[in-house]
Protein backbone atom coordinates (compact mmCIF):
# COMPACT_ATOMS: atom_id res chain seq x y z
CA UNK A 1 -2.33 -77.65 117.98
CA UNK A 2 -0.88 -77.96 114.47
CA UNK A 3 -1.19 -81.29 112.70
CA UNK A 4 0.68 -81.79 109.46
CA UNK A 5 -0.42 -84.62 107.18
CA UNK A 6 2.28 -85.38 104.66
CA UNK A 7 0.14 -87.16 102.12
CA UNK A 8 -2.02 -86.96 99.07
CA UNK A 9 -5.34 -85.16 98.64
CA UNK A 10 -8.64 -86.49 97.33
CA UNK A 11 -7.85 -85.75 93.66
CA UNK A 12 -4.92 -88.15 93.71
CA UNK A 13 -5.80 -91.60 92.45
CA UNK A 14 -4.47 -93.62 95.31
CA UNK A 15 -5.90 -95.73 98.11
CA UNK A 16 -3.84 -93.64 100.55
CA UNK A 17 -5.43 -90.30 99.64
CA UNK A 18 -6.98 -88.14 102.38
CA UNK A 19 -10.36 -86.44 101.96
CA UNK A 20 -12.28 -83.68 103.75
CA UNK A 21 -14.08 -86.42 105.66
CA UNK A 22 -10.79 -87.62 107.14
CA UNK A 23 -9.82 -84.08 108.19
CA UNK A 24 -13.25 -83.58 109.74
CA UNK A 25 -12.71 -86.76 111.75
CA UNK A 26 -9.64 -85.19 113.37
CA UNK A 27 -11.53 -81.95 113.97
CA UNK A 28 -14.17 -83.90 115.83
CA UNK A 29 -11.52 -85.02 118.31
CA UNK A 30 -9.68 -81.68 118.45
CA UNK A 31 -11.94 -78.86 117.16
CA UNK A 32 -9.21 -76.23 117.61
CA UNK A 33 -6.60 -78.18 115.62
CA UNK A 34 -5.02 -76.49 112.62
CA UNK A 35 -4.59 -79.19 109.97
CA UNK A 36 -2.46 -78.98 106.84
CA UNK A 37 -2.37 -81.61 104.10
CA UNK A 38 0.39 -81.61 101.50
CA UNK A 39 2.98 -83.76 99.77
CA UNK A 40 4.81 -80.81 98.26
CA UNK A 41 8.40 -80.65 99.62
CA UNK A 42 8.47 -76.83 99.64
CA UNK A 43 5.16 -76.62 101.49
CA UNK A 44 6.25 -79.28 104.00
CA UNK A 45 9.42 -77.31 104.70
CA UNK A 46 7.37 -74.20 105.52
CA UNK A 47 4.98 -76.07 107.81
CA UNK A 48 7.49 -78.23 109.72
CA UNK A 49 8.60 -75.66 112.37
CA UNK A 50 5.08 -75.31 113.82
CA UNK A 51 3.94 -78.93 113.56
CA UNK A 52 3.29 -80.72 116.85
CA UNK A 53 1.97 -83.90 115.22
CA UNK A 54 2.81 -85.36 111.83
CA UNK A 55 1.02 -88.11 109.95
CA UNK A 56 3.18 -89.54 107.17
CA UNK A 57 3.80 -92.61 105.06
CA UNK A 58 7.14 -94.43 104.67
CA UNK A 59 7.30 -93.10 101.10
CA UNK A 60 7.17 -89.46 102.25
CA UNK A 61 8.93 -89.55 105.64
CA UNK A 62 12.16 -88.38 103.99
CA UNK A 63 10.54 -84.92 103.79
CA UNK A 64 10.73 -84.56 107.58
CA UNK A 65 13.76 -82.56 108.68
CA UNK A 66 14.04 -83.10 112.44
CA UNK A 67 16.34 -80.10 112.81
CA UNK A 68 13.60 -77.86 111.43
CA UNK A 69 10.71 -79.56 113.23
CA UNK A 70 11.46 -77.97 116.61
CA UNK A 71 7.94 -78.34 118.06
CA UNK A 72 7.42 -81.92 116.90
CA UNK A 73 6.24 -84.27 119.64
CA UNK A 74 4.64 -87.18 117.78
CA UNK A 75 4.85 -88.90 114.37
CA UNK A 76 2.14 -91.31 113.26
CA UNK A 77 3.02 -93.59 110.36
CA UNK A 78 0.29 -94.74 107.98
CA UNK A 79 2.22 -98.02 107.71
CA UNK A 80 2.45 -100.89 110.19
CA UNK A 81 6.18 -101.36 109.55
CA UNK A 82 8.28 -98.51 110.99
CA UNK A 83 11.72 -100.06 111.47
CA UNK A 84 13.65 -97.33 109.63
CA UNK A 85 11.71 -94.47 111.21
CA UNK A 86 12.14 -95.99 114.67
CA UNK A 87 15.94 -95.96 114.20
CA UNK A 88 15.88 -92.32 113.12
CA UNK A 89 13.74 -91.26 116.09
CA UNK A 90 15.53 -93.41 118.69
CA UNK A 91 17.87 -90.62 119.92
CA UNK A 92 14.92 -88.21 120.25
CA UNK A 93 11.96 -87.86 122.61
CA UNK A 94 9.51 -87.84 119.72
CA UNK A 95 6.67 -90.35 120.14
CA UNK A 96 6.17 -92.84 117.31
CA UNK A 97 2.96 -94.72 116.55
CA UNK A 98 2.13 -96.97 113.63
CA UNK A 99 -0.99 -98.14 111.83
CA UNK A 100 -0.85 -101.74 112.94
CA UNK A 101 -4.39 -103.02 112.51
CA UNK A 102 -4.98 -101.53 109.07
CA UNK A 103 -3.91 -104.67 107.21
CA UNK A 104 -5.44 -107.81 108.77
CA UNK A 105 -8.50 -108.08 106.49
CA UNK A 106 -6.84 -107.57 103.06
CA UNK A 107 -3.69 -109.51 103.94
CA UNK A 108 -5.57 -112.48 105.41
CA UNK A 109 -7.64 -112.62 102.22
CA UNK A 110 -4.40 -112.50 100.19
CA UNK A 111 -3.04 -115.41 102.23
CA UNK A 112 -6.29 -117.30 101.66
CA UNK A 113 -5.95 -116.69 97.91
CA UNK A 114 -2.43 -118.19 97.95
CA UNK A 115 -3.60 -121.22 99.94
CA UNK A 116 -6.63 -121.86 97.73
CA UNK A 117 -4.55 -121.56 94.56
CA UNK A 118 -2.11 -124.17 95.85
CA UNK A 119 -4.78 -126.45 97.29
CA UNK A 120 -6.80 -126.44 94.07
CA UNK A 121 -3.60 -126.33 91.95
CA UNK A 122 -4.95 -123.29 90.11
CA UNK A 123 -1.42 -121.97 89.59
CA UNK A 124 -0.67 -125.02 87.40
CA UNK A 125 -3.95 -124.84 85.49
CA UNK A 126 -3.47 -121.12 84.88
CA UNK A 127 0.08 -121.58 83.56
CA UNK A 128 -1.18 -124.28 81.17
CA UNK A 129 -3.89 -121.90 79.96
CA UNK A 130 -1.59 -118.92 79.42
CA UNK A 131 1.42 -120.79 78.03
CA UNK A 132 -0.05 -123.65 76.02
CA UNK A 133 -3.86 -123.37 76.02
CA UNK A 134 -3.70 -126.96 77.28
CA UNK A 135 -6.57 -128.84 78.97
CA UNK A 136 -5.17 -130.72 81.98
CA UNK A 137 -7.74 -133.05 83.42
CA UNK A 138 -5.36 -135.33 85.25
CA UNK A 139 -5.69 -135.87 88.99
CA UNK A 140 -2.03 -136.84 89.30
CA UNK A 141 -0.79 -133.79 87.39
CA UNK A 142 -2.93 -131.40 89.40
CA UNK A 143 -3.21 -133.35 92.69
CA UNK A 144 -5.66 -131.05 94.51
CA UNK A 145 -6.21 -131.27 98.24
CA UNK A 146 -8.53 -129.67 100.79
CA UNK A 147 -7.75 -126.83 103.15
CA UNK A 148 -10.22 -128.41 105.56
CA UNK A 149 -7.82 -131.30 106.17
CA UNK A 150 -4.64 -129.21 106.33
CA UNK A 151 -2.67 -127.54 109.12
CA UNK A 152 -1.83 -123.85 108.84
CA UNK A 153 1.18 -122.76 110.90
CA UNK A 154 1.51 -119.05 111.70
CA UNK A 155 4.86 -117.52 112.62
CA UNK A 156 4.31 -113.98 113.88
CA UNK A 157 0.95 -114.09 115.64
CA UNK A 158 -0.02 -110.43 115.79
CA UNK A 159 -3.11 -108.75 114.40
CA UNK A 160 -2.54 -110.15 110.90
CA UNK A 161 -1.72 -113.62 112.18
CA UNK A 162 -4.86 -113.59 114.30
CA UNK A 163 -7.01 -112.76 111.27
CA UNK A 164 -5.31 -115.48 109.20
CA UNK A 165 -6.10 -117.93 112.01
CA UNK A 166 -9.76 -116.91 112.02
CA UNK A 167 -10.09 -117.32 108.24
CA UNK A 168 -8.24 -120.64 108.17
CA UNK A 169 -10.26 -122.08 111.05
CA UNK A 170 -13.50 -121.00 109.35
CA UNK A 171 -12.55 -123.24 106.42
CA UNK A 172 -11.98 -126.20 108.71
CA UNK A 173 -8.19 -126.13 108.82
CA UNK A 174 -6.24 -126.80 112.00
CA UNK A 175 -4.27 -123.75 113.08
CA UNK A 176 -0.92 -123.71 114.85
CA UNK A 177 0.87 -120.61 116.16
CA UNK A 178 4.33 -119.93 117.50
CA UNK A 179 4.55 -118.54 121.01
CA UNK A 180 6.66 -115.39 121.28
CA UNK A 181 8.40 -114.01 124.33
CA UNK A 182 7.00 -110.55 123.58
CA UNK A 183 3.49 -111.91 123.05
CA UNK A 184 0.86 -109.18 123.29
CA UNK A 185 -2.23 -110.58 121.63
CA UNK A 186 -4.50 -113.26 123.02
CA UNK A 187 -4.34 -116.41 120.92
CA UNK A 188 -7.77 -117.18 119.46
CA UNK A 189 -8.83 -119.68 116.77
CA UNK A 190 -5.66 -121.68 117.34
CA UNK A 191 -5.63 -125.41 118.01
CA UNK A 192 -2.01 -125.63 119.14
CA UNK A 193 0.58 -123.12 120.37
CA UNK A 194 4.20 -124.20 120.01
CA UNK A 195 7.19 -122.85 121.90
CA UNK A 196 9.56 -124.50 119.42
CA UNK A 197 9.35 -123.34 115.80
CA UNK A 198 10.68 -126.70 114.63
CA UNK A 199 7.60 -128.49 115.97
CA UNK A 200 5.32 -126.02 114.21
CA UNK A 201 7.18 -126.41 110.91
CA UNK A 202 7.03 -130.22 111.11
CA UNK A 203 3.27 -130.30 111.50
CA UNK A 204 2.25 -127.55 109.04
CA UNK A 205 1.05 -127.95 105.46
CA UNK A 206 1.18 -124.17 105.04
CA UNK A 207 3.69 -121.99 106.88
CA UNK A 208 2.60 -118.36 106.98
CA UNK A 209 5.34 -115.82 107.70
CA UNK A 210 3.81 -112.74 109.35
CA UNK A 211 7.02 -111.59 111.05
CA UNK A 212 8.02 -107.92 111.24
CA UNK A 213 11.62 -107.08 110.39
CA UNK A 214 13.74 -106.63 113.52
CA UNK A 215 17.26 -107.54 114.59
CA UNK A 216 15.80 -110.81 115.91
CA UNK A 217 13.89 -111.76 112.75
CA UNK A 218 16.34 -110.80 109.99
CA UNK A 219 17.14 -113.98 108.03
CA UNK A 220 14.86 -116.01 110.31
CA UNK A 221 13.73 -118.43 107.61
CA UNK A 222 16.79 -120.22 106.28
CA UNK A 223 17.57 -123.55 104.64
CA UNK A 224 17.57 -125.34 107.98
CA UNK A 225 13.97 -124.31 108.64
CA UNK A 226 12.89 -125.15 105.09
CA UNK A 227 14.37 -128.61 105.52
CA UNK A 228 12.32 -129.10 108.70
CA UNK A 229 9.21 -128.23 106.68
CA UNK A 230 10.06 -130.96 104.20
CA UNK A 231 10.20 -133.61 106.91
CA UNK A 232 6.89 -132.85 108.54
CA UNK A 233 3.79 -131.85 106.65
CA UNK A 234 1.78 -134.11 104.45
CA UNK A 235 -1.65 -134.70 105.94
CA UNK A 236 -3.30 -132.61 103.26
CA UNK A 237 -1.28 -133.43 100.20
CA UNK A 238 -1.74 -137.15 99.91
CA UNK A 239 1.52 -138.25 101.50
CA UNK A 240 3.80 -135.55 100.10
CA UNK A 241 6.18 -134.54 102.83
CA UNK A 242 6.75 -130.90 101.96
CA UNK A 243 4.81 -127.78 102.90
CA UNK A 244 3.99 -124.50 101.16
CA UNK A 245 5.67 -121.32 102.37
CA UNK A 246 3.74 -118.04 102.26
CA UNK A 247 5.44 -114.73 103.02
CA UNK A 248 3.39 -111.59 103.61
CA UNK A 249 5.66 -110.34 106.42
CA UNK A 250 8.95 -108.80 105.36
CA UNK A 251 11.27 -109.97 102.59
CA UNK A 252 14.43 -109.73 104.68
CA UNK A 253 13.10 -112.14 107.30
CA UNK A 254 13.94 -114.81 104.71
CA UNK A 255 17.36 -115.81 103.40
CA UNK A 256 16.28 -115.64 99.78
CA UNK A 257 19.13 -117.72 98.37
CA UNK A 258 18.10 -120.49 100.79
CA UNK A 259 14.48 -120.23 99.68
CA UNK A 260 15.58 -120.49 96.04
CA UNK A 261 17.66 -123.57 96.86
CA UNK A 262 14.77 -125.14 98.79
CA UNK A 263 12.51 -124.65 95.76
CA UNK A 264 15.14 -125.87 93.31
CA UNK A 265 15.75 -129.05 95.32
CA UNK A 266 12.02 -129.63 95.98
CA UNK A 267 12.57 -129.27 99.71
CA UNK A 268 9.29 -127.37 99.96
CA UNK A 269 6.19 -127.80 97.81
CA UNK A 270 6.03 -124.18 96.67
CA UNK A 271 5.81 -120.58 97.80
CA UNK A 272 3.38 -117.67 97.71
CA UNK A 273 5.46 -114.50 97.94
CA UNK A 274 4.33 -110.90 98.29
CA UNK A 275 7.60 -109.53 99.73
CA UNK A 276 11.26 -109.96 98.80
CA UNK A 277 14.80 -109.10 99.91
CA UNK A 278 15.08 -106.61 97.04
CA UNK A 279 12.03 -104.79 95.74
CA UNK A 280 11.03 -104.61 92.96
CA UNK A 281 12.11 -108.21 92.46
CA UNK A 282 14.99 -108.11 89.92
CA UNK A 283 14.26 -109.48 86.45
CA UNK A 284 17.12 -111.98 86.79
CA UNK A 285 15.78 -113.52 90.01
CA UNK A 286 15.30 -117.30 89.71
CA UNK A 287 12.02 -116.92 91.61
CA UNK A 288 10.26 -115.74 88.44
CA UNK A 289 10.86 -119.10 86.74
CA UNK A 290 9.55 -121.59 89.32
CA UNK A 291 6.19 -123.02 88.33
CA UNK A 292 5.32 -123.67 91.98
CA UNK A 293 5.86 -120.04 93.02
CA UNK A 294 3.16 -117.36 92.96
CA UNK A 295 4.54 -113.82 92.99
CA UNK A 296 2.61 -110.66 93.84
CA UNK A 297 4.27 -107.21 93.91
CA UNK A 298 3.95 -106.34 97.62
CA UNK A 299 0.33 -105.28 97.50
CA UNK A 300 -1.32 -107.73 99.90
CA UNK A 301 -2.22 -104.85 102.23
CA UNK A 302 -3.98 -102.79 99.57
CA UNK A 303 -7.65 -102.05 100.17
CA UNK A 304 -10.03 -99.24 99.21
CA UNK A 305 -10.63 -98.82 102.96
CA UNK A 306 -6.94 -98.16 103.73
CA UNK A 307 -7.05 -94.46 104.63
CA UNK A 308 -10.34 -94.83 106.50
CA UNK A 309 -8.71 -97.38 108.79
CA UNK A 310 -5.52 -95.32 109.18
CA UNK A 311 -7.62 -92.36 110.32
CA UNK A 312 -9.61 -94.50 112.77
CA UNK A 313 -6.34 -95.75 114.26
CA UNK A 314 -4.81 -92.25 114.38
CA UNK A 315 -7.86 -90.73 116.09
CA UNK A 316 -7.87 -93.51 118.66
CA UNK A 317 -4.25 -92.67 119.47
CA UNK A 318 -4.98 -88.94 119.36
CA UNK A 319 -7.61 -89.30 122.07
CA UNK A 320 -5.11 -91.18 124.25
CA UNK A 321 -2.44 -88.55 123.52
CA UNK A 322 -4.74 -85.73 124.65
CA UNK A 323 -5.77 -87.59 127.78
CA UNK A 324 -2.16 -88.59 128.53
CA UNK A 325 -3.11 -92.26 128.48
CA UNK A 326 -1.31 -95.25 126.97
CA UNK A 327 -1.43 -94.97 123.18
CA UNK A 328 -2.72 -98.20 121.55
CA UNK A 329 -0.19 -98.10 118.70
CA UNK A 330 2.84 -96.80 120.56
CA UNK A 331 6.05 -98.16 119.02
CA UNK A 332 9.00 -99.28 121.12
CA UNK A 333 11.71 -97.47 119.16
CA UNK A 334 14.41 -99.86 120.41
CA UNK A 335 12.53 -102.95 119.19
CA UNK A 336 11.22 -101.25 116.05
CA UNK A 337 7.60 -102.28 116.57
């Protein structure tokens, strides 16, 4: 069995680098496996014809020439999102798995950081520090509130949503989740499950978008939904009727011009954004200028444990592959997840 890892070696300064320990982990599952690790296009081209299994990242998957890879049976992506790769592989019999499960801990902590910054109004205090070196000790100007008395609504209750729910509940918040027709995961740490997204939006002080990008979710959050958010929440923020929107899912699940309008017209209280329609976010985007928007450059999933978790997930699927059992991270190529 030949396994080709299209990735970076241990000398590369990246959280997605592979080490000898990771290769040994595969060998423990398949001692006879011949494993190659490279990100060099010329080397990849030489190794493709004999590869049965490929591990790759979305940033290097363009190196895979399916016409050359005649023995290829399975591709494992080191990313959770595989929409583009699923489309490419749809006409083929090649198995696709993803690394869903690698992100819940870092992303849930990123979400928590957004929520705490808004609840304690740290984004305002920080701007005053950086821009004006101004001391704001004014309860009306800052208007802090407590997460413990807020409602956190999760749209996209998968592994990441489940971890967000656990963290939010631990802080005393009420947690709401949206029921999905393709629901796979058991709903834990949730006080209320809604079938109607409108009901969830009305009752939430924070709306957390964990949606993957599919044909069903593209443009899911639009002005209509933001307006529903403005009519509902308020239990935490002292009577204010708008909620905070946090997006750690996919940028294109949001109609960005509608989000900008909702912020401009004070329809929602603010937004914590790690993903965008266009990345990097263009310099002329109005989102940079809103004082109630916190922007991070799509790194909520970063963690020093990234590759360790990817390898754990891959080896779990490798065992199932060898035993001809259901693979835990098998992607439905038609759905894209």
